[in-house]
Amino acid sequence: MTQKERMIAGLPYLAADKELVADRKHAKEVWYQFNQLSPNEFAAGQAMLRQLFGKAGKGMYIEPTFRCDYGYNIYIGDNFYSNYNLIILDIAPVTIGNNVMIAPNVGIYTAGHPIHPAARQSGYEYGAPITIGDGVWIGAHSVLNPGVNIGENTVIGAGSVVTKDIPANCVAAGNPCQVIRQITDQDKKYYFKDKLFDLDWE
C-alpha cells in the first residue's frame, strides 16, 4: 500500500511522503486563494472548494477563513453552512450530512499521534473518520476529535470537546461533551431558551 492508501484506511502512515506533501500543498493553494477573495466573488470561491472536496452537495455556503489538509476526504451533503474559521484536518474521511450548520471557530480533527513519545518520534501518525449526521448544529469553538460520530438533529453546545459518539436528537455540551437532554416536539415553540416564536414558521 502507498502511504496515501494507508492514511485513508486508518493505518499508521508517514505524512512526509512526497505524494501526501504535494496533496497538502495543493489544498493550501486552493484555500489560500479562497480566503483572499472579495465577498463579491462568493460563487467563484464556493466553486473552488467544490473542486477540492470529495463531495459537495447543493446549497453549500462556507465563510472564509477555511482551512483543511487535503480536501478530497471531505464529503458534504446539501444545504451546508459554515461560519468563519472552520478547520478540517481530513486525514481520514469527514462525512457531513444534509442541513448541517457549523458556528465560528470549529475544529474537526481526524488526525492523531501515538501516545508513547518513542512511537510519536517514529514519524508515524494516523487518522480516524468523523461523521456528522443530517440536521446537526455545532456551536462555536467546539472541537471534534478523531473517530467521533454525531447523530442526526443533535445540537452541540458552544465550547464543547467531543471525545466520544453523541446520539441523535439531543442537546450535548461540555468538556468532555455529554448529553444534557433530548430534543422534543415541545422545543418547536421556542426560538431561544424560554422565548416563544411570535409567528407561525411551519
C-alpha atoms as a PDB file:
ATOM      1  CA  MET A   1       0.000   0.000   0.000  1.00  0.00           C
ATOM      2  CA  THR A   2       1.067   3.568  -0.604  1.00  0.00           C
ATOM      3  CA  GLN A   3       1.266   5.978   2.326  1.00  0.00           C
ATOM      4  CA  LYS A   4      -1.851   7.697   0.975  1.00  0.00           C
ATOM      5  CA  GLU A   5      -3.744   4.406   0.901  1.00  0.00           C
ATOM      6  CA  ARG A   6      -2.586   3.652   4.443  1.00  0.00           C
ATOM      7  CA  MET A   7      -3.685   7.102   5.601  1.00  0.00           C
ATOM      8  CA  ILE A   8      -7.203   6.804   4.174  1.00  0.00           C
ATOM      9  CA  ALA A   9      -7.519   3.249   5.542  1.00  0.00           C
ATOM     10  CA  GLY A  10      -6.787   4.477   9.079  1.00  0.00           C
ATOM     11  CA  LEU A  11      -3.433   2.698   9.299  1.00  0.00           C
ATOM     12  CA  PRO A  12      -0.188   4.249  10.574  1.00  0.00           C
ATOM     13  CA  TYR A  13       1.356   6.310   7.765  1.00  0.00           C
ATOM     14  CA  LEU A  14       4.147   8.813   7.136  1.00  0.00           C
ATOM     15  CA  ALA A  15       2.928  12.346   6.420  1.00  0.00           C
ATOM     16  CA  ALA A  16       6.350  13.211   4.959  1.00  0.00           C
ATOM     17  CA  ASP A  17       5.555  11.020   1.936  1.00  0.00           C
ATOM     18  CA  LYS A  18       6.103  13.013  -1.276  1.00  0.00           C
ATOM     19  CA  GLU A  19       2.636  12.343  -2.665  1.00  0.00           C
ATOM     20  CA  LEU A  20       0.972  13.494   0.546  1.00  0.00           C
ATOM     21  CA  VAL A  21       3.182  16.575   0.795  1.00  0.00           C
ATOM     22  CA  ALA A  22       2.127  17.513  -2.737  1.00  0.00           C
ATOM     23  CA  ASP A  23      -1.550  16.892  -1.928  1.00  0.00           C
ATOM     24  CA  ARG A  24      -1.378  19.132   1.139  1.00  0.00           C
ATOM     25  CA  LYS A  25       0.369  21.850  -0.857  1.00  0.00           C
ATOM     26  CA  HIS A  26      -2.378  21.748  -3.474  1.00  0.00           C
ATOM     27  CA  ALA A  27      -5.085  22.061  -0.803  1.00  0.00           C
ATOM     28  CA  LYS A  28      -3.267  25.001   0.786  1.00  0.00           C
ATOM     29  CA  GLU A  29      -3.046  26.770  -2.566  1.00  0.00           C
ATOM     30  CA  VAL A  30      -6.802  26.376  -3.063  1.00  0.00           C
ATOM     31  CA  TRP A  31      -7.913  27.533   0.372  1.00  0.00           C
ATOM     32  CA  TYR A  32      -5.351  30.341   0.376  1.00  0.00           C
ATOM     33  CA  GLN A  33      -6.878  31.700  -2.824  1.00  0.00           C
ATOM     34  CA  PHE A  34     -10.383  31.167  -1.423  1.00  0.00           C
ATOM     35  CA  ASN A  35      -9.552  33.106   1.734  1.00  0.00           C
ATOM     36  CA  GLN A  36      -8.238  36.090  -0.277  1.00  0.00           C
ATOM     37  CA  LEU A  37     -11.353  36.545  -2.413  1.00  0.00           C
ATOM     38  CA  SER A  38     -13.609  39.577  -2.226  1.00  0.00           C
ATOM     39  CA  PRO A  39     -17.124  38.979  -0.849  1.00  0.00           C
ATOM     40  CA  ASN A  40     -18.302  39.841  -4.371  1.00  0.00           C
ATOM     41  CA  GLU A  41     -16.582  36.669  -5.605  1.00  0.00           C
ATOM     42  CA  PHE A  42     -18.626  34.326  -3.441  1.00  0.00           C
ATOM     43  CA  ALA A  43     -19.718  31.977  -6.238  1.00  0.00           C
ATOM     44  CA  ALA A  44     -16.180  31.587  -7.545  1.00  0.00           C
ATOM     45  CA  GLY A  45     -14.924  30.780  -4.070  1.00  0.00           C
ATOM     46  CA  GLN A  46     -17.523  28.088  -3.428  1.00  0.00           C
ATOM     47  CA  ALA A  47     -16.718  26.566  -6.837  1.00  0.00           C
ATOM     48  CA  MET A  48     -13.036  26.362  -5.866  1.00  0.00           C
ATOM     49  CA  LEU A  49     -13.878  24.415  -2.717  1.00  0.00           C
ATOM     50  CA  ARG A  50     -16.279  22.145  -4.600  1.00  0.00           C
ATOM     51  CA  GLN A  51     -13.433  21.070  -6.866  1.00  0.00           C
ATOM     52  CA  LEU A  52     -11.226  20.390  -3.832  1.00  0.00           C
ATOM     53  CA  PHE A  53     -13.732  18.330  -1.825  1.00  0.00           C
ATOM     54  CA  GLY A  54     -14.566  14.673  -2.332  1.00  0.00           C
ATOM     55  CA  LYS A  55     -18.248  15.669  -2.489  1.00  0.00           C
ATOM     56  CA  ALA A  56     -20.184  18.908  -2.069  1.00  0.00           C
ATOM     57  CA  GLY A  57     -23.980  18.976  -2.215  1.00  0.00           C
ATOM     58  CA  LYS A  58     -26.209  21.785  -3.422  1.00  0.00           C
ATOM     59  CA  GLY A  59     -26.571  24.897  -1.304  1.00  0.00           C
ATOM     60  CA  MET A  60     -23.076  24.761   0.235  1.00  0.00           C
ATOM     61  CA  TYR A  61     -22.021  28.036   1.883  1.00  0.00           C
ATOM     62  CA  ILE A  62     -18.636  28.304   3.610  1.00  0.00           C
ATOM     63  CA  GLU A  63     -17.446  31.600   5.056  1.00  0.00           C
ATOM     64  CA  PRO A  64     -13.748  32.439   4.953  1.00  0.00           C
ATOM     65  CA  THR A  65     -11.426  31.723   6.511  1.00  0.00           C
ATOM     66  CA  PHE A  66     -11.385  27.995   5.868  1.00  0.00           C
ATOM     67  CA  ARG A  67      -8.516  25.509   6.113  1.00  0.00           C
ATOM     68  CA  CYS A  68      -8.085  21.783   5.534  1.00  0.00           C
ATOM     69  CA  ASP A  69      -5.303  19.256   4.985  1.00  0.00           C
ATOM     70  CA  TYR A  70      -6.349  17.525   1.770  1.00  0.00           C
ATOM     71  CA  GLY A  71      -9.936  18.363   0.865  1.00  0.00           C
ATOM     72  CA  TYR A  72     -10.570  15.128  -1.023  1.00  0.00           C
ATOM     73  CA  ASN A  73     -11.512  13.387   2.230  1.00  0.00           C
ATOM     74  CA  ILE A  74     -14.333  15.878   2.905  1.00  0.00           C
ATOM     75  CA  TYR A  75     -17.859  14.800   1.897  1.00  0.00           C
ATOM     76  CA  ILE A  76     -20.616  17.379   2.398  1.00  0.00           C
ATOM     77  CA  GLY A  77     -24.382  16.982   1.902  1.00  0.00           C
ATOM     78  CA  ASP A  78     -26.972  19.546   0.783  1.00  0.00           C
ATOM     79  CA  ASN A  79     -27.643  22.900   2.471  1.00  0.00           C
ATOM     80  CA  PHE A  80     -24.411  23.062   4.447  1.00  0.00           C
ATOM     81  CA  TYR A  81     -23.455  26.285   6.189  1.00  0.00           C
ATOM     82  CA  SER A  82     -20.175  27.017   7.969  1.00  0.00           C
ATOM     83  CA  ASN A  83     -19.434  30.300   9.667  1.00  0.00           C
ATOM     84  CA  TYR A  84     -15.953  31.847   9.955  1.00  0.00           C
ATOM     85  CA  ASN A  85     -12.719  29.963  10.689  1.00  0.00           C
ATOM     86  CA  LEU A  86     -13.629  26.322  10.114  1.00  0.00           C
ATOM     87  CA  ILE A  87     -10.641  23.947  10.218  1.00  0.00           C
ATOM     88  CA  ILE A  88     -10.962  20.356   8.989  1.00  0.00           C
ATOM     89  CA  LEU A  89      -7.962  18.053   9.329  1.00  0.00           C
ATOM     90  CA  ASP A  90      -9.193  15.450   6.865  1.00  0.00           C
ATOM     91  CA  ILE A  91      -6.531  12.780   7.282  1.00  0.00           C
ATOM     92  CA  ALA A  92      -9.417  10.311   7.324  1.00  0.00           C
ATOM     93  CA  PRO A  93     -12.847  10.850   5.742  1.00  0.00           C
ATOM     94  CA  VAL A  94     -15.090  13.553   7.202  1.00  0.00           C
ATOM     95  CA  THR A  95     -18.711  12.896   6.216  1.00  0.00           C
ATOM     96  CA  ILE A  96     -21.238  15.680   6.814  1.00  0.00           C
ATOM     97  CA  GLY A  97     -24.955  15.156   6.216  1.00  0.00           C
ATOM     98  CA  ASN A  98     -27.673  17.432   4.877  1.00  0.00           C
ATOM     99  CA  ASN A  99     -28.809  20.659   6.577  1.00  0.00           C
ATOM    100  CA  VAL A 100     -25.786  20.906   8.860  1.00  0.00           C
ATOM    101  CA  MET A 101     -24.810  24.225  10.454  1.00  0.00           C
ATOM    102  CA  ILE A 102     -21.384  24.993  11.934  1.00  0.00           C
ATOM    103  CA  ALA A 103     -20.724  28.088  14.043  1.00  0.00           C
ATOM    104  CA  PRO A 104     -17.454  30.102  14.050  1.00  0.00           C
ATOM    105  CA  ASN A 105     -14.087  28.705  15.116  1.00  0.00           C
ATOM    106  CA  VAL A 106     -14.931  24.997  14.979  1.00  0.00           C
ATOM    107  CA  GLY A 107     -12.231  22.356  14.564  1.00  0.00           C
ATOM    108  CA  ILE A 108     -12.917  18.928  13.045  1.00  0.00           C
ATOM    109  CA  TYR A 109      -9.803  16.838  13.606  1.00  0.00           C
ATOM    110  CA  THR A 110      -9.434  13.286  12.288  1.00  0.00           C
ATOM    111  CA  ALA A 111      -5.642  13.381  12.824  1.00  0.00           C
ATOM    112  CA  GLY A 112      -3.895  11.687  15.728  1.00  0.00           C
ATOM    113  CA  HIS A 113      -0.462  10.684  17.005  1.00  0.00           C
ATOM    114  CA  PRO A 114       0.675   7.770  19.191  1.00  0.00           C
ATOM    115  CA  ILE A 115       0.649   8.366  22.953  1.00  0.00           C
ATOM    116  CA  HIS A 116       4.123   6.984  23.688  1.00  0.00           C
ATOM    117  CA  PRO A 117       6.863   9.544  22.883  1.00  0.00           C
ATOM    118  CA  ALA A 118       9.098   6.994  21.159  1.00  0.00           C
ATOM    119  CA  ALA A 119       6.221   5.943  18.895  1.00  0.00           C
ATOM    120  CA  ARG A 120       5.410   9.604  18.157  1.00  0.00           C
ATOM    121  CA  GLN A 121       9.010  10.317  17.215  1.00  0.00           C
ATOM    122  CA  SER A 122       8.899   7.485  14.670  1.00  0.00           C
ATOM    123  CA  GLY A 123       7.034   9.892  12.371  1.00  0.00           C
ATOM    124  CA  TYR A 124       4.019   7.631  12.060  1.00  0.00           C
ATOM    125  CA  GLU A 125       0.581   9.108  12.632  1.00  0.00           C
ATOM    126  CA  TYR A 126      -2.993   8.044  11.938  1.00  0.00           C
ATOM    127  CA  GLY A 127      -6.475   9.265  11.135  1.00  0.00           C
ATOM    128  CA  ALA A 128      -9.913   8.144  12.325  1.00  0.00           C
ATOM    129  CA  PRO A 129     -13.057   9.167  10.400  1.00  0.00           C
ATOM    130  CA  ILE A 130     -15.666  11.611  11.690  1.00  0.00           C
ATOM    131  CA  THR A 131     -19.350  11.530  10.736  1.00  0.00           C
ATOM    132  CA  ILE A 132     -21.849  14.335  11.328  1.00  0.00           C
ATOM    133  CA  GLY A 133     -25.491  13.378  10.756  1.00  0.00           C
ATOM    134  CA  ASP A 134     -28.266  15.291   8.994  1.00  0.00           C
ATOM    135  CA  GLY A 135     -29.626  18.370  10.727  1.00  0.00           C
ATOM    136  CA  VAL A 136     -26.768  18.811  13.212  1.00  0.00           C
ATOM    137  CA  TRP A 137     -25.810  22.226  14.615  1.00  0.00           C
ATOM    138  CA  ILE A 138     -22.315  22.558  16.072  1.00  0.00           C
ATOM    139  CA  GLY A 139     -21.766  25.536  18.374  1.00  0.00           C
ATOM    140  CA  ALA A 140     -18.872  27.983  18.268  1.00  0.00           C
ATOM    141  CA  HIS A 141     -15.378  26.994  19.402  1.00  0.00           C
ATOM    142  CA  SER A 142     -16.252  23.287  19.507  1.00  0.00           C
ATOM    143  CA  VAL A 143     -13.699  20.557  18.807  1.00  0.00           C
ATOM    144  CA  LEU A 144     -14.489  17.169  17.259  1.00  0.00           C
ATOM    145  CA  ASN A 145     -11.801  14.593  17.991  1.00  0.00           C
ATOM    146  CA  PRO A 146     -10.767  11.638  15.786  1.00  0.00           C
ATOM    147  CA  GLY A 147     -13.290   8.861  15.305  1.00  0.00           C
ATOM    148  CA  VAL A 148     -16.431  10.520  16.701  1.00  0.00           C
ATOM    149  CA  ASN A 149     -19.935  10.305  15.246  1.00  0.00           C
ATOM    150  CA  ILE A 150     -22.712  12.820  15.907  1.00  0.00           C
ATOM    151  CA  GLY A 151     -26.267  11.612  15.406  1.00  0.00           C
ATOM    152  CA  GLU A 152     -28.841  13.428  13.291  1.00  0.00           C
ATOM    153  CA  ASN A 153     -30.547  16.617  14.545  1.00  0.00           C
ATOM    154  CA  THR A 154     -28.264  16.924  17.564  1.00  0.00           C
ATOM    155  CA  VAL A 155     -27.068  20.300  18.873  1.00  0.00           C
ATOM    156  CA  ILE A 156     -23.506  20.546  20.201  1.00  0.00           C
ATOM    157  CA  GLY A 157     -23.175  23.459  22.641  1.00  0.00           C
ATOM    158  CA  ALA A 158     -20.514  26.131  22.198  1.00  0.00           C
ATOM    159  CA  GLY A 159     -17.056  25.321  23.505  1.00  0.00           C
ATOM    160  CA  SER A 160     -17.630  21.563  23.578  1.00  0.00           C
ATOM    161  CA  VAL A 161     -14.897  18.974  23.160  1.00  0.00           C
ATOM    162  CA  VAL A 162     -16.402  15.868  21.567  1.00  0.00           C
ATOM    163  CA  THR A 163     -14.350  12.803  22.535  1.00  0.00           C
ATOM    164  CA  LYS A 164     -16.950  10.065  22.000  1.00  0.00           C
ATOM    165  CA  ASP A 165     -20.058   9.390  19.914  1.00  0.00           C
ATOM    166  CA  ILE A 166     -23.096  11.596  20.594  1.00  0.00           C
ATOM    167  CA  PRO A 167     -26.538  10.112  19.830  1.00  0.00           C
ATOM    168  CA  ALA A 168     -29.267  11.610  17.644  1.00  0.00           C
ATOM    169  CA  ASN A 169     -31.912  14.154  18.660  1.00  0.00           C
ATOM    170  CA  CYS A 170     -30.272  15.594  21.750  1.00  0.00           C
ATOM    171  CA  VAL A 171     -28.534  18.658  23.145  1.00  0.00           C
ATOM    172  CA  ALA A 172     -24.969  17.879  24.252  1.00  0.00           C
ATOM    173  CA  ALA A 173     -22.249  20.130  25.618  1.00  0.00           C
ATOM    174  CA  GLY A 174     -19.173  20.334  27.808  1.00  0.00           C
ATOM    175  CA  ASN A 175     -15.601  19.111  28.052  1.00  0.00           C
ATOM    176  CA  PRO A 176     -15.869  16.245  27.559  1.00  0.00           C
ATOM    177  CA  CYS A 177     -19.121  16.685  25.629  1.00  0.00           C
ATOM    178  CA  GLN A 178     -22.069  14.870  27.244  1.00  0.00           C
ATOM    179  CA  VAL A 179     -25.784  14.602  26.566  1.00  0.00           C
ATOM    180  CA  ILE A 180     -27.768  17.212  28.507  1.00  0.00           C
ATOM    181  CA  ARG A 181     -31.270  16.392  27.291  1.00  0.00           C
ATOM    182  CA  GLN A 182     -33.356  15.076  24.417  1.00  0.00           C
ATOM    183  CA  ILE A 183     -34.881  17.340  21.782  1.00  0.00           C
ATOM    184  CA  THR A 184     -38.697  17.018  21.749  1.00  0.00           C
ATOM    185  CA  ASP A 185     -41.645  18.487  19.834  1.00  0.00           C
ATOM    186  CA  GLN A 186     -42.079  20.921  22.720  1.00  0.00           C
ATOM    187  CA  ASP A 187     -38.904  22.670  21.518  1.00  0.00           C
ATOM    188  CA  LYS A 188     -40.727  23.773  18.346  1.00  0.00           C
ATOM    189  CA  LYS A 189     -42.453  26.539  20.331  1.00  0.00           C
ATOM    190  CA  TYR A 190     -39.231  28.330  21.246  1.00  0.00           C
ATOM    191  CA  TYR A 191     -36.570  30.123  19.230  1.00  0.00           C
ATOM    192  CA  PHE A 192     -34.204  30.750  22.184  1.00  0.00           C
ATOM    193  CA  LYS A 193     -34.411  29.275  25.674  1.00  0.00           C
ATOM    194  CA  ASP A 194     -37.875  30.252  27.003  1.00  0.00           C
ATOM    195  CA  LYS A 195     -38.672  32.792  24.252  1.00  0.00           C
ATOM    196  CA  LEU A 196     -41.730  31.804  22.223  1.00  0.00           C
ATOM    197  CA  PHE A 197     -41.997  32.308  18.467  1.00  0.00           C
ATOM    198  CA  ASP A 198     -44.263  35.292  17.724  1.00  0.00           C
ATOM    199  CA  LEU A 199     -45.058  33.994  14.228  1.00  0.00           C
ATOM    200  CA  ASP A 200     -46.041  30.781  12.504  1.00  0.00           C
ATOM    201  CA  TRP A 201     -42.953  29.269  10.845  1.00  0.00           C
ATOM    202  CA  GLU A 202     -44.440  25.878   9.886  1.00  0.00           C
END
